[in-house]
Amino acid sequence: MGARALSLNLYDIGYHVAQFFFSLYLLPLGYLVNTSGFFPRVLGIVLMISCFAYLIDVFLFFLLPSYEGVFLTVLGVFSLTELVFGVWLLVKGVKIHKE
């Protein structure tokens, strides 16, 4: 294994370690979105579900690396939720209420 392949392998491992902590962040974020009343409740629920989807992806990477590609399409659907959350904040969060 050359130095370049080792570097890419270490990058992939580091990415999945960071993804583990990001997935733990999504659970309280989804709870806060769900209970806030400003966002749609469905968005909060899907964010909480995506927490577990990311955790499954991380555990598949480390424990069963041959099955990691199977779960990639499901993870893609849940990563769209983060995009919807950002767009919602840009569109609805910018409105200034005039008194």
C-alpha atoms as a PDB file:
ATOM      1  CA  MET A   1       0.000   0.000   0.000  1.00  0.00           C
ATOM      2  CA  GLY A   2       1.523   3.279  -1.090  1.00  0.00           C
ATOM      3  CA  ALA A   3       1.532   6.523   0.836  1.00  0.00           C
ATOM      4  CA  ARG A   4      -1.266   7.958  -1.320  1.00  0.00           C
ATOM      5  CA  ALA A   5      -3.571   4.987  -0.702  1.00  0.00           C
ATOM      6  CA  LEU A   6      -2.853   5.127   3.012  1.00  0.00           C
ATOM      7  CA  SER A   7      -3.623   8.843   3.062  1.00  0.00           C
ATOM      8  CA  LEU A   8      -6.952   8.310   1.294  1.00  0.00           C
ATOM      9  CA  ASN A   9      -7.825   5.485   3.661  1.00  0.00           C
ATOM     10  CA  LEU A  10      -7.076   7.647   6.703  1.00  0.00           C
ATOM     11  CA  TYR A  11      -9.176  10.456   5.230  1.00  0.00           C
ATOM     12  CA  ASP A  12     -12.119   8.085   4.806  1.00  0.00           C
ATOM     13  CA  ILE A  13     -11.797   6.855   8.388  1.00  0.00           C
ATOM     14  CA  GLY A  14     -11.570  10.407   9.716  1.00  0.00           C
ATOM     15  CA  TYR A  15     -14.623  11.417   7.695  1.00  0.00           C
ATOM     16  CA  HIS A  16     -16.690   8.630   9.225  1.00  0.00           C
ATOM     17  CA  VAL A  17     -15.520   9.476  12.744  1.00  0.00           C
ATOM     18  CA  ALA A  18     -16.652  13.075  12.182  1.00  0.00           C
ATOM     19  CA  GLN A  19     -19.922  11.776  10.716  1.00  0.00           C
ATOM     20  CA  PHE A  20     -20.533   9.885  13.959  1.00  0.00           C
ATOM     21  CA  PHE A  21     -20.442  13.111  15.969  1.00  0.00           C
ATOM     22  CA  PHE A  22     -22.531  14.931  13.358  1.00  0.00           C
ATOM     23  CA  SER A  23     -25.195  12.247  13.611  1.00  0.00           C
ATOM     24  CA  LEU A  24     -25.351  12.720  17.373  1.00  0.00           C
ATOM     25  CA  TYR A  25     -25.953  16.423  16.745  1.00  0.00           C
ATOM     26  CA  LEU A  26     -28.978  15.717  14.547  1.00  0.00           C
ATOM     27  CA  LEU A  27     -31.034  14.133  17.339  1.00  0.00           C
ATOM     28  CA  PRO A  28     -31.297  17.232  19.574  1.00  0.00           C
ATOM     29  CA  LEU A  29     -31.614  19.446  16.501  1.00  0.00           C
ATOM     30  CA  GLY A  30     -34.549  17.375  15.270  1.00  0.00           C
ATOM     31  CA  TYR A  31     -36.144  17.512  18.706  1.00  0.00           C
ATOM     32  CA  LEU A  32     -35.811  21.297  18.848  1.00  0.00           C
ATOM     33  CA  VAL A  33     -37.187  21.684  15.326  1.00  0.00           C
ATOM     34  CA  ASN A  34     -40.088  19.392  16.211  1.00  0.00           C
ATOM     35  CA  THR A  35     -41.060  21.295  19.354  1.00  0.00           C
ATOM     36  CA  SER A  36     -40.358  24.863  18.153  1.00  0.00           C
ATOM     37  CA  GLY A  37     -43.550  25.450  16.173  1.00  0.00           C
ATOM     38  CA  PHE A  38     -41.641  27.571  13.625  1.00  0.00           C
ATOM     39  CA  PHE A  39     -40.679  24.643  11.421  1.00  0.00           C
ATOM     40  CA  PRO A  40     -42.887  21.858  10.075  1.00  0.00           C
ATOM     41  CA  ARG A  41     -43.045  18.975  12.544  1.00  0.00           C
ATOM     42  CA  VAL A  42     -42.257  16.508   9.774  1.00  0.00           C
ATOM     43  CA  LEU A  43     -38.896  18.179   9.253  1.00  0.00           C
ATOM     44  CA  GLY A  44     -37.957  17.608  12.895  1.00  0.00           C
ATOM     45  CA  ILE A  45     -39.055  13.993  12.793  1.00  0.00           C
ATOM     46  CA  VAL A  46     -37.066  13.299   9.642  1.00  0.00           C
ATOM     47  CA  LEU A  47     -34.008  14.992  11.153  1.00  0.00           C
ATOM     48  CA  MET A  48     -34.248  12.669  14.153  1.00  0.00           C
ATOM     49  CA  ILE A  49     -34.595   9.659  11.862  1.00  0.00           C
ATOM     50  CA  SER A  50     -31.602  10.830   9.833  1.00  0.00           C
ATOM     51  CA  CYS A  51     -29.556  10.756  13.044  1.00  0.00           C
ATOM     52  CA  PHE A  52     -30.022   7.003  13.169  1.00  0.00           C
ATOM     53  CA  ALA A  53     -29.441   6.667   9.419  1.00  0.00           C
ATOM     54  CA  TYR A  54     -26.028   8.320   9.765  1.00  0.00           C
ATOM     55  CA  LEU A  55     -25.210   6.136  12.770  1.00  0.00           C
ATOM     56  CA  ILE A  56     -26.077   3.015  10.777  1.00  0.00           C
ATOM     57  CA  ASP A  57     -23.817   4.225   7.972  1.00  0.00           C
ATOM     58  CA  VAL A  58     -20.912   4.757  10.370  1.00  0.00           C
ATOM     59  CA  PHE A  59     -21.325   1.353  11.979  1.00  0.00           C
ATOM     60  CA  LEU A  60     -21.606  -0.326   8.585  1.00  0.00           C
ATOM     61  CA  PHE A  61     -18.365   1.351   7.522  1.00  0.00           C
ATOM     62  CA  PHE A  62     -16.434   0.095  10.523  1.00  0.00           C
ATOM     63  CA  LEU A  63     -18.085  -3.246  11.277  1.00  0.00           C
ATOM     64  CA  LEU A  64     -19.360  -4.488   7.892  1.00  0.00           C
ATOM     65  CA  PRO A  65     -17.473  -2.598   5.167  1.00  0.00           C
ATOM     66  CA  SER A  66     -18.752  -4.856   2.386  1.00  0.00           C
ATOM     67  CA  TYR A  67     -22.371  -3.738   3.049  1.00  0.00           C
ATOM     68  CA  GLU A  68     -21.682   0.000   3.195  1.00  0.00           C
ATOM     69  CA  GLY A  69     -22.743   0.722  -0.399  1.00  0.00           C
ATOM     70  CA  VAL A  70     -26.149  -0.890   0.139  1.00  0.00           C
ATOM     71  CA  PHE A  71     -27.226   1.806   2.581  1.00  0.00           C
ATOM     72  CA  LEU A  72     -25.937   4.748   0.516  1.00  0.00           C
ATOM     73  CA  THR A  73     -29.219   5.454  -1.321  1.00  0.00           C
ATOM     74  CA  VAL A  74     -31.180   5.591   1.933  1.00  0.00           C
ATOM     75  CA  LEU A  75     -28.605   7.979   3.357  1.00  0.00           C
ATOM     76  CA  GLY A  76     -28.924  10.198   0.300  1.00  0.00           C
ATOM     77  CA  VAL A  77     -32.625  10.678   0.955  1.00  0.00           C
ATOM     78  CA  PHE A  78     -31.963  11.739   4.533  1.00  0.00           C
ATOM     79  CA  SER A  79     -29.171  14.089   3.549  1.00  0.00           C
ATOM     80  CA  LEU A  80     -31.727  15.948   1.428  1.00  0.00           C
ATOM     81  CA  THR A  81     -33.484  16.814   4.689  1.00  0.00           C
ATOM     82  CA  GLU A  82     -30.519  18.910   5.752  1.00  0.00           C
ATOM     83  CA  LEU A  83     -30.742  20.815   2.479  1.00  0.00           C
ATOM     84  CA  VAL A  84     -34.474  21.417   3.016  1.00  0.00           C
ATOM     85  CA  PHE A  85     -33.728  22.635   6.546  1.00  0.00           C
ATOM     86  CA  GLY A  86     -31.176  25.136   5.250  1.00  0.00           C
ATOM     87  CA  VAL A  87     -33.500  26.391   2.511  1.00  0.00           C
ATOM     88  CA  TRP A  88     -36.317  26.745   5.041  1.00  0.00           C
ATOM     89  CA  LEU A  89     -34.064  28.892   7.227  1.00  0.00           C
ATOM     90  CA  LEU A  90     -33.063  31.052   4.264  1.00  0.00           C
ATOM     91  CA  VAL A  91     -36.601  31.586   2.991  1.00  0.00           C
ATOM     92  CA  LYS A  92     -38.698  31.779   6.152  1.00  0.00           C
ATOM     93  CA  GLY A  93     -36.047  32.996   8.571  1.00  0.00           C
ATOM     94  CA  VAL A  94     -35.257  36.144   6.625  1.00  0.00           C
ATOM     95  CA  LYS A  95     -38.761  37.610   6.811  1.00  0.00           C
ATOM     96  CA  ILE A  96     -38.789  40.642   9.099  1.00  0.00           C
ATOM     97  CA  HIS A  97     -41.994  41.247  10.998  1.00  0.00           C
ATOM     98  CA  LYS A  98     -43.047  44.896  10.896  1.00  0.00           C
ATOM     99  CA  GLU A  99     -44.866  46.151  13.962  1.00  0.00           C
END
